[in-house]
N, C-alpha and C. Protein backbone atom coordinates (compact mmCIF):
# COMPACT_ATOMS: atom_id res chain seq x y z
N MET A 1 -61.52 267.11 170.39
CA MET A 1 -62.36 266.28 169.54
C MET A 1 -63.28 267.18 168.72
N LEU A 2 -63.57 266.72 167.53
CA LEU A 2 -64.49 267.42 166.65
C LEU A 2 -65.61 266.48 166.24
N LYS A 3 -66.78 267.03 166.05
CA LYS A 3 -67.92 266.22 165.59
C LYS A 3 -67.67 265.72 164.18
N GLY A 4 -67.95 264.44 163.97
CA GLY A 4 -67.88 263.88 162.63
C GLY A 4 -66.47 263.59 162.13
N ILE A 5 -65.44 263.85 162.91
CA ILE A 5 -64.06 263.59 162.51
C ILE A 5 -63.58 262.34 163.24
N ASN A 6 -63.09 261.38 162.48
CA ASN A 6 -62.58 260.15 163.06
C ASN A 6 -61.48 260.49 164.07
N PRO A 7 -61.55 259.97 165.30
CA PRO A 7 -60.56 260.33 166.32
C PRO A 7 -59.14 259.88 166.00
N LEU A 8 -58.96 259.00 165.02
CA LEU A 8 -57.60 258.61 164.61
C LEU A 8 -56.93 259.71 163.80
N LEU A 9 -57.71 260.66 163.31
CA LEU A 9 -57.14 261.77 162.54
C LEU A 9 -56.60 262.81 163.51
N THR A 10 -55.33 262.69 163.82
CA THR A 10 -54.67 263.59 164.76
C THR A 10 -54.57 264.98 164.16
N PRO A 11 -54.34 266.00 164.99
CA PRO A 11 -54.16 267.34 164.44
C PRO A 11 -53.06 267.40 163.37
N ASP A 12 -51.95 266.72 163.61
CA ASP A 12 -50.85 266.72 162.64
C ASP A 12 -51.26 266.05 161.33
N LEU A 13 -52.00 264.95 161.43
CA LEU A 13 -52.43 264.26 160.22
C LEU A 13 -53.45 265.10 159.45
N LEU A 14 -54.39 265.72 160.16
CA LEU A 14 -55.35 266.60 159.48
C LEU A 14 -54.64 267.75 158.78
N LYS A 15 -53.62 268.29 159.41
CA LYS A 15 -52.85 269.38 158.81
C LYS A 15 -52.20 268.91 157.50
N ILE A 16 -51.59 267.75 157.52
CA ILE A 16 -50.95 267.20 156.32
C ILE A 16 -51.98 266.98 155.22
N LEU A 17 -53.11 266.40 155.57
CA LEU A 17 -54.15 266.14 154.58
C LEU A 17 -54.68 267.43 153.97
N MET A 18 -54.78 268.47 154.78
CA MET A 18 -55.22 269.78 154.28
C MET A 18 -54.16 270.42 153.39
N GLU A 19 -52.90 270.25 153.72
CA GLU A 19 -51.81 270.85 152.94
C GLU A 19 -51.64 270.19 151.57
N MET A 20 -51.95 268.91 151.50
CA MET A 20 -51.76 268.19 150.24
C MET A 20 -52.61 268.81 149.14
N GLY A 21 -52.05 268.83 147.95
CA GLY A 21 -52.78 269.32 146.80
C GLY A 21 -53.25 268.18 145.92
N HIS A 22 -53.96 268.53 144.86
CA HIS A 22 -54.48 267.55 143.91
C HIS A 22 -53.34 266.70 143.36
N ASP A 23 -53.54 265.40 143.38
CA ASP A 23 -52.60 264.38 142.90
C ASP A 23 -51.39 264.16 143.80
N ASP A 24 -51.30 264.86 144.94
CA ASP A 24 -50.26 264.51 145.90
C ASP A 24 -50.56 263.12 146.44
N ALA A 25 -49.52 262.41 146.81
CA ALA A 25 -49.67 261.04 147.28
C ALA A 25 -49.38 260.95 148.78
N LEU A 26 -50.14 260.10 149.44
CA LEU A 26 -49.95 259.81 150.86
C LEU A 26 -49.69 258.32 151.00
N VAL A 27 -48.60 257.98 151.67
CA VAL A 27 -48.29 256.58 151.94
C VAL A 27 -48.85 256.21 153.29
N LEU A 28 -49.58 255.12 153.34
CA LEU A 28 -50.01 254.52 154.60
C LEU A 28 -49.23 253.21 154.71
N ALA A 29 -48.34 253.15 155.69
CA ALA A 29 -47.37 252.06 155.75
C ALA A 29 -47.54 251.20 156.99
N ASP A 30 -47.14 249.94 156.85
CA ASP A 30 -47.18 249.04 158.00
C ASP A 30 -46.02 249.35 158.94
N ALA A 31 -46.04 248.71 160.10
CA ALA A 31 -45.06 249.01 161.15
C ALA A 31 -43.64 248.63 160.75
N ASN A 32 -43.46 247.79 159.74
CA ASN A 32 -42.14 247.35 159.31
C ASN A 32 -41.54 248.23 158.22
N PHE A 33 -42.30 249.18 157.70
CA PHE A 33 -41.87 250.01 156.58
C PHE A 33 -40.69 250.90 156.98
N THR A 34 -39.75 251.07 156.08
CA THR A 34 -38.57 251.89 156.34
C THR A 34 -38.88 253.36 156.09
N ALA A 35 -39.78 253.89 156.89
CA ALA A 35 -40.35 255.22 156.66
C ALA A 35 -39.32 256.33 156.73
N MET A 36 -38.45 256.31 157.70
CA MET A 36 -37.53 257.44 157.88
C MET A 36 -36.55 257.56 156.72
N SER A 37 -36.02 256.45 156.23
CA SER A 37 -35.08 256.55 155.12
C SER A 37 -35.80 256.83 153.80
N ILE A 38 -36.98 256.30 153.62
CA ILE A 38 -37.75 256.54 152.40
C ILE A 38 -38.22 257.99 152.36
N ALA A 39 -38.66 258.52 153.49
CA ALA A 39 -39.20 259.88 153.54
C ALA A 39 -38.13 260.94 153.29
N ALA A 40 -36.92 260.70 153.77
CA ALA A 40 -35.78 261.60 153.56
C ALA A 40 -36.16 263.07 153.77
N GLY A 41 -36.65 263.38 154.96
CA GLY A 41 -36.96 264.77 155.31
C GLY A 41 -38.41 265.17 155.13
N LYS A 42 -39.20 264.36 154.46
CA LYS A 42 -40.63 264.65 154.33
C LYS A 42 -41.32 264.24 155.62
N PRO A 43 -42.56 264.71 155.83
CA PRO A 43 -43.25 264.36 157.07
C PRO A 43 -43.50 262.86 157.23
N VAL A 44 -43.23 262.37 158.42
CA VAL A 44 -43.57 261.01 158.82
C VAL A 44 -44.43 261.14 160.07
N LEU A 45 -45.65 260.66 159.99
CA LEU A 45 -46.57 260.69 161.13
C LEU A 45 -46.77 259.27 161.62
N ARG A 46 -47.03 259.12 162.90
CA ARG A 46 -47.17 257.78 163.48
C ARG A 46 -48.55 257.59 164.08
N LEU A 47 -49.12 256.43 163.77
CA LEU A 47 -50.36 255.99 164.39
C LEU A 47 -50.08 254.63 165.04
N PRO A 48 -49.32 254.62 166.14
CA PRO A 48 -48.93 253.35 166.75
C PRO A 48 -50.14 252.57 167.24
N GLY A 49 -50.11 251.27 167.01
CA GLY A 49 -51.19 250.42 167.48
C GLY A 49 -52.43 250.44 166.60
N VAL A 50 -52.43 251.22 165.54
CA VAL A 50 -53.60 251.35 164.67
C VAL A 50 -53.44 250.41 163.47
N SER A 51 -54.46 249.61 163.21
CA SER A 51 -54.41 248.69 162.07
C SER A 51 -54.50 249.47 160.76
N MET A 52 -54.07 248.85 159.68
CA MET A 52 -54.14 249.50 158.37
C MET A 52 -55.59 249.77 157.97
N VAL A 53 -56.46 248.83 158.22
CA VAL A 53 -57.87 249.01 157.86
C VAL A 53 -58.44 250.24 158.55
N HIS A 54 -58.18 250.39 159.84
CA HIS A 54 -58.68 251.55 160.58
C HIS A 54 -58.04 252.85 160.09
N ALA A 55 -56.75 252.81 159.78
CA ALA A 55 -56.07 254.01 159.30
C ALA A 55 -56.61 254.45 157.95
N VAL A 56 -56.79 253.50 157.03
CA VAL A 56 -57.32 253.84 155.71
C VAL A 56 -58.75 254.36 155.83
N ARG A 57 -59.55 253.72 156.68
CA ARG A 57 -60.93 254.18 156.87
C ARG A 57 -60.94 255.63 157.37
N ALA A 58 -60.09 255.94 158.32
CA ALA A 58 -60.05 257.30 158.87
C ALA A 58 -59.61 258.30 157.79
N VAL A 59 -58.56 257.99 157.08
CA VAL A 59 -58.04 258.92 156.07
C VAL A 59 -59.03 259.12 154.94
N THR A 60 -59.60 258.05 154.44
CA THR A 60 -60.53 258.19 153.31
C THR A 60 -61.87 258.79 153.72
N SER A 61 -62.10 258.93 155.02
CA SER A 61 -63.33 259.61 155.45
C SER A 61 -63.27 261.10 155.14
N VAL A 62 -62.07 261.63 154.93
CA VAL A 62 -61.92 263.06 154.62
C VAL A 62 -61.12 263.33 153.35
N LEU A 63 -60.42 262.34 152.83
CA LEU A 63 -59.56 262.53 151.66
C LEU A 63 -60.24 262.01 150.40
N PRO A 64 -60.53 262.89 149.45
CA PRO A 64 -61.09 262.40 148.18
C PRO A 64 -59.98 261.74 147.35
N LEU A 65 -60.33 260.66 146.67
CA LEU A 65 -59.35 260.00 145.80
C LEU A 65 -59.35 260.70 144.44
N ALA A 66 -58.19 260.69 143.81
CA ALA A 66 -58.04 261.34 142.50
C ALA A 66 -58.97 260.70 141.48
N ALA A 67 -59.66 261.55 140.72
CA ALA A 67 -60.60 261.07 139.70
C ALA A 67 -59.97 261.04 138.31
N ASP A 68 -58.80 261.65 138.15
CA ASP A 68 -58.21 261.82 136.83
C ASP A 68 -57.11 260.81 136.51
N VAL A 69 -57.01 259.76 137.29
CA VAL A 69 -56.01 258.72 137.06
C VAL A 69 -56.68 257.35 137.08
N ASP A 70 -56.06 256.39 136.43
CA ASP A 70 -56.62 255.03 136.39
C ASP A 70 -56.49 254.31 137.73
N HIS A 71 -55.44 254.65 138.50
CA HIS A 71 -55.16 253.93 139.74
C HIS A 71 -54.89 254.92 140.88
N PRO A 72 -55.95 255.44 141.52
CA PRO A 72 -55.73 256.37 142.63
C PRO A 72 -55.25 255.68 143.91
N VAL A 73 -55.28 254.36 143.91
CA VAL A 73 -54.82 253.57 145.04
C VAL A 73 -53.79 252.57 144.53
N ALA A 74 -52.65 252.51 145.21
CA ALA A 74 -51.63 251.52 144.90
C ALA A 74 -51.29 250.76 146.18
N PHE A 75 -50.87 249.53 146.01
CA PHE A 75 -50.47 248.75 147.18
C PHE A 75 -49.25 247.91 146.83
N MET A 76 -48.46 247.58 147.86
CA MET A 76 -47.24 246.83 147.65
C MET A 76 -47.56 245.36 147.40
N GLN A 77 -47.12 244.87 146.26
CA GLN A 77 -47.31 243.47 145.92
C GLN A 77 -46.46 242.61 146.85
N VAL A 78 -47.01 241.50 147.28
CA VAL A 78 -46.28 240.58 148.16
C VAL A 78 -45.19 239.90 147.34
N SER A 79 -43.94 240.08 147.74
CA SER A 79 -42.80 239.51 147.01
C SER A 79 -42.93 237.99 146.91
N GLY A 80 -42.63 237.47 145.72
CA GLY A 80 -42.64 236.03 145.51
C GLY A 80 -44.02 235.43 145.34
N SER A 81 -45.05 236.27 145.26
CA SER A 81 -46.41 235.74 145.11
C SER A 81 -46.88 235.90 143.68
N ALA A 82 -47.94 235.20 143.35
CA ALA A 82 -48.56 235.34 142.03
C ALA A 82 -49.11 236.75 141.89
N ASP A 83 -49.18 237.26 140.67
CA ASP A 83 -49.64 238.63 140.43
C ASP A 83 -51.02 238.90 141.03
N ALA A 84 -51.89 237.92 141.02
CA ALA A 84 -53.27 238.12 141.50
C ALA A 84 -53.40 237.96 143.01
N TYR A 85 -52.33 237.56 143.69
CA TYR A 85 -52.41 237.32 145.14
C TYR A 85 -52.64 238.63 145.90
N ARG A 86 -53.52 238.58 146.90
CA ARG A 86 -53.77 239.69 147.81
C ARG A 86 -53.81 239.12 149.22
N SER A 87 -53.08 239.74 150.15
CA SER A 87 -53.12 239.30 151.54
C SER A 87 -54.49 239.66 152.13
N GLU A 88 -54.76 239.15 153.31
CA GLU A 88 -56.04 239.46 153.96
C GLU A 88 -56.21 240.97 154.17
N VAL A 89 -55.16 241.62 154.66
CA VAL A 89 -55.24 243.07 154.89
C VAL A 89 -55.45 243.79 153.57
N GLN A 90 -54.73 243.40 152.54
CA GLN A 90 -54.90 244.03 151.23
C GLN A 90 -56.33 243.86 150.73
N ARG A 91 -56.88 242.66 150.86
CA ARG A 91 -58.27 242.43 150.42
C ARG A 91 -59.25 243.31 151.19
N GLU A 92 -59.07 243.41 152.50
CA GLU A 92 -59.96 244.23 153.33
C GLU A 92 -59.89 245.71 152.93
N VAL A 93 -58.70 246.23 152.75
CA VAL A 93 -58.55 247.64 152.38
C VAL A 93 -59.11 247.88 150.98
N LEU A 94 -58.80 247.01 150.05
CA LEU A 94 -59.27 247.20 148.68
C LEU A 94 -60.80 247.13 148.60
N GLU A 95 -61.39 246.26 149.38
CA GLU A 95 -62.86 246.19 149.43
C GLU A 95 -63.43 247.48 150.03
N MET A 96 -62.75 248.02 151.02
CA MET A 96 -63.23 249.24 151.68
C MET A 96 -63.16 250.45 150.75
N VAL A 97 -62.10 250.57 149.94
CA VAL A 97 -61.96 251.75 149.07
C VAL A 97 -62.69 251.59 147.74
N ALA A 98 -63.12 250.39 147.41
CA ALA A 98 -63.78 250.15 146.11
C ALA A 98 -64.94 251.09 145.84
N PRO A 99 -65.81 251.40 146.81
CA PRO A 99 -66.91 252.33 146.53
C PRO A 99 -66.46 253.75 146.17
N ASP A 100 -65.22 254.11 146.55
CA ASP A 100 -64.71 255.44 146.25
C ASP A 100 -64.07 255.54 144.87
N LEU A 101 -63.91 254.39 144.20
CA LEU A 101 -63.32 254.40 142.87
C LEU A 101 -64.39 254.65 141.83
N LEU A 102 -64.03 255.40 140.81
CA LEU A 102 -64.95 255.69 139.72
C LEU A 102 -64.95 254.53 138.72
N PRO A 103 -65.98 254.43 137.87
CA PRO A 103 -65.96 253.40 136.83
C PRO A 103 -64.68 253.51 136.00
N GLY A 104 -64.05 252.37 135.78
CA GLY A 104 -62.80 252.34 135.03
C GLY A 104 -61.56 252.47 135.89
N GLN A 105 -61.71 252.86 137.14
CA GLN A 105 -60.57 252.96 138.04
C GLN A 105 -60.38 251.65 138.79
N SER A 106 -59.15 251.41 139.24
CA SER A 106 -58.86 250.25 140.06
C SER A 106 -57.64 250.54 140.92
N ALA A 107 -57.40 249.68 141.88
CA ALA A 107 -56.19 249.76 142.68
C ALA A 107 -55.10 249.01 141.91
N GLU A 108 -53.87 249.43 142.11
CA GLU A 108 -52.75 248.88 141.35
C GLU A 108 -51.76 248.20 142.29
N ALA A 109 -51.43 246.95 141.97
CA ALA A 109 -50.37 246.26 142.69
C ALA A 109 -49.03 246.75 142.15
N VAL A 110 -48.11 247.11 143.05
CA VAL A 110 -46.82 247.65 142.65
C VAL A 110 -45.72 246.81 143.29
N GLU A 111 -44.78 246.39 142.48
CA GLU A 111 -43.64 245.60 142.95
C GLU A 111 -42.93 246.37 144.07
N ARG A 112 -42.38 245.66 145.03
CA ARG A 112 -41.83 246.24 146.26
C ARG A 112 -40.89 247.42 146.01
N PHE A 113 -39.87 247.25 145.17
CA PHE A 113 -38.89 248.32 144.99
C PHE A 113 -39.46 249.47 144.17
N ALA A 114 -40.38 249.19 143.27
CA ALA A 114 -41.08 250.26 142.55
C ALA A 114 -41.98 251.02 143.52
N PHE A 115 -42.56 250.31 144.49
CA PHE A 115 -43.37 250.97 145.52
C PHE A 115 -42.51 251.93 146.33
N TYR A 116 -41.30 251.49 146.71
CA TYR A 116 -40.40 252.37 147.46
C TYR A 116 -40.10 253.64 146.66
N ALA A 117 -39.89 253.50 145.37
CA ALA A 117 -39.61 254.68 144.53
C ALA A 117 -40.80 255.64 144.54
N ARG A 118 -42.00 255.10 144.43
CA ARG A 118 -43.19 255.97 144.49
C ARG A 118 -43.33 256.61 145.86
N ALA A 119 -43.02 255.85 146.89
CA ALA A 119 -43.13 256.37 148.26
C ALA A 119 -42.16 257.53 148.48
N ARG A 120 -40.99 257.47 147.85
CA ARG A 120 -40.03 258.57 147.98
C ARG A 120 -40.58 259.88 147.41
N ALA A 121 -41.47 259.77 146.43
CA ALA A 121 -42.05 260.95 145.80
C ALA A 121 -43.32 261.42 146.50
N ALA A 122 -43.78 260.70 147.50
CA ALA A 122 -45.02 261.04 148.18
C ALA A 122 -44.86 262.29 149.03
N TYR A 123 -45.98 262.91 149.34
CA TYR A 123 -46.00 264.11 150.17
C TYR A 123 -45.62 263.79 151.61
N ALA A 124 -46.14 262.67 152.12
CA ALA A 124 -45.90 262.28 153.51
C ALA A 124 -46.12 260.78 153.67
N ILE A 125 -45.64 260.27 154.79
CA ILE A 125 -45.83 258.86 155.12
C ILE A 125 -46.49 258.77 156.49
N VAL A 126 -47.51 257.94 156.58
CA VAL A 126 -48.16 257.64 157.85
C VAL A 126 -47.78 256.22 158.22
N LEU A 127 -47.05 256.07 159.30
CA LEU A 127 -46.59 254.78 159.78
C LEU A 127 -47.59 254.26 160.80
N THR A 128 -48.29 253.20 160.44
CA THR A 128 -49.31 252.64 161.32
C THR A 128 -48.70 251.57 162.23
N GLY A 129 -49.54 250.97 163.04
CA GLY A 129 -49.12 249.86 163.88
C GLY A 129 -49.40 248.51 163.24
N GLU A 130 -49.76 248.51 161.96
CA GLU A 130 -50.10 247.26 161.26
C GLU A 130 -48.88 246.35 161.22
N ARG A 131 -49.05 245.10 161.68
CA ARG A 131 -47.94 244.16 161.75
C ARG A 131 -47.91 243.19 160.59
N GLN A 132 -48.91 243.19 159.74
CA GLN A 132 -48.93 242.33 158.56
C GLN A 132 -47.94 242.87 157.54
N PRO A 133 -46.93 242.09 157.16
CA PRO A 133 -45.98 242.57 156.15
C PRO A 133 -46.69 242.86 154.82
N PHE A 134 -46.11 243.75 154.04
CA PHE A 134 -46.60 244.15 152.72
C PHE A 134 -47.96 244.86 152.79
N ALA A 135 -48.33 245.37 153.95
CA ALA A 135 -49.59 246.11 154.10
C ALA A 135 -49.30 247.59 153.93
N ASN A 136 -48.87 247.97 152.73
CA ASN A 136 -48.49 249.34 152.43
C ASN A 136 -49.32 249.85 151.26
N PHE A 137 -49.82 251.08 151.38
CA PHE A 137 -50.72 251.64 150.38
C PHE A 137 -50.32 253.07 150.06
N ILE A 138 -50.63 253.49 148.86
CA ILE A 138 -50.47 254.88 148.44
C ILE A 138 -51.81 255.37 147.94
N LEU A 139 -52.28 256.48 148.51
CA LEU A 139 -53.53 257.10 148.09
C LEU A 139 -53.21 258.43 147.42
N ARG A 140 -53.79 258.66 146.25
CA ARG A 140 -53.59 259.94 145.55
C ARG A 140 -54.80 260.83 145.78
N LYS A 141 -54.53 262.05 146.20
CA LYS A 141 -55.58 262.98 146.58
C LYS A 141 -56.26 263.57 145.35
N GLY A 142 -57.58 263.63 145.42
CA GLY A 142 -58.38 264.26 144.38
C GLY A 142 -58.82 265.64 144.82
N VAL A 143 -59.89 266.10 144.21
CA VAL A 143 -60.38 267.44 144.52
C VAL A 143 -61.82 267.36 145.00
N ILE A 144 -62.20 268.37 145.73
CA ILE A 144 -63.60 268.59 146.08
C ILE A 144 -63.95 269.93 145.46
N GLY A 145 -64.96 269.96 144.65
CA GLY A 145 -65.29 271.21 144.01
C GLY A 145 -66.60 271.16 143.26
N GLU A 146 -66.90 272.23 142.62
CA GLU A 146 -68.11 272.34 141.82
C GLU A 146 -67.79 272.02 140.37
N ASN A 147 -68.83 271.75 139.61
CA ASN A 147 -68.66 271.63 138.17
C ASN A 147 -68.25 272.98 137.61
N LEU A 148 -67.55 272.96 136.49
CA LEU A 148 -67.17 274.22 135.84
C LEU A 148 -68.40 274.98 135.43
N ARG A 149 -68.36 276.29 135.63
CA ARG A 149 -69.49 277.13 135.22
C ARG A 149 -69.25 277.60 133.78
N PRO A 150 -70.27 277.51 132.92
CA PRO A 150 -70.06 277.94 131.53
C PRO A 150 -69.91 279.45 131.42
């Protein structure tokens, strides 16, 4: 255990988060997500029994979101629903990450198969124990640094 580090952040997950570079994407997926076939050799980490809200809270406690894109957070749109529809889990996660978004940024709803395509390009997938279908998110990593020196 480390002080100030969420205990859900396993050594393997912390390693992946440290290895990721600016604009690399991390998929946080529900328990039904086809992680192994989508990942195709990329890292798949498991947080069995962990809800999506808890997983996102843990990851965003150490992962800065990208500041140079309009949508540093994406989520899988519920198939067959109206464009504005958000499930309870989606609403909870989006409310939680809202303070980390810069003015002009927002989370983006992504159609299911387009989400799979983005997930294939991600650095890694974290498979949670979330049982709510369509509770899948992509977080793009930003940077931590100083302002440019003149």
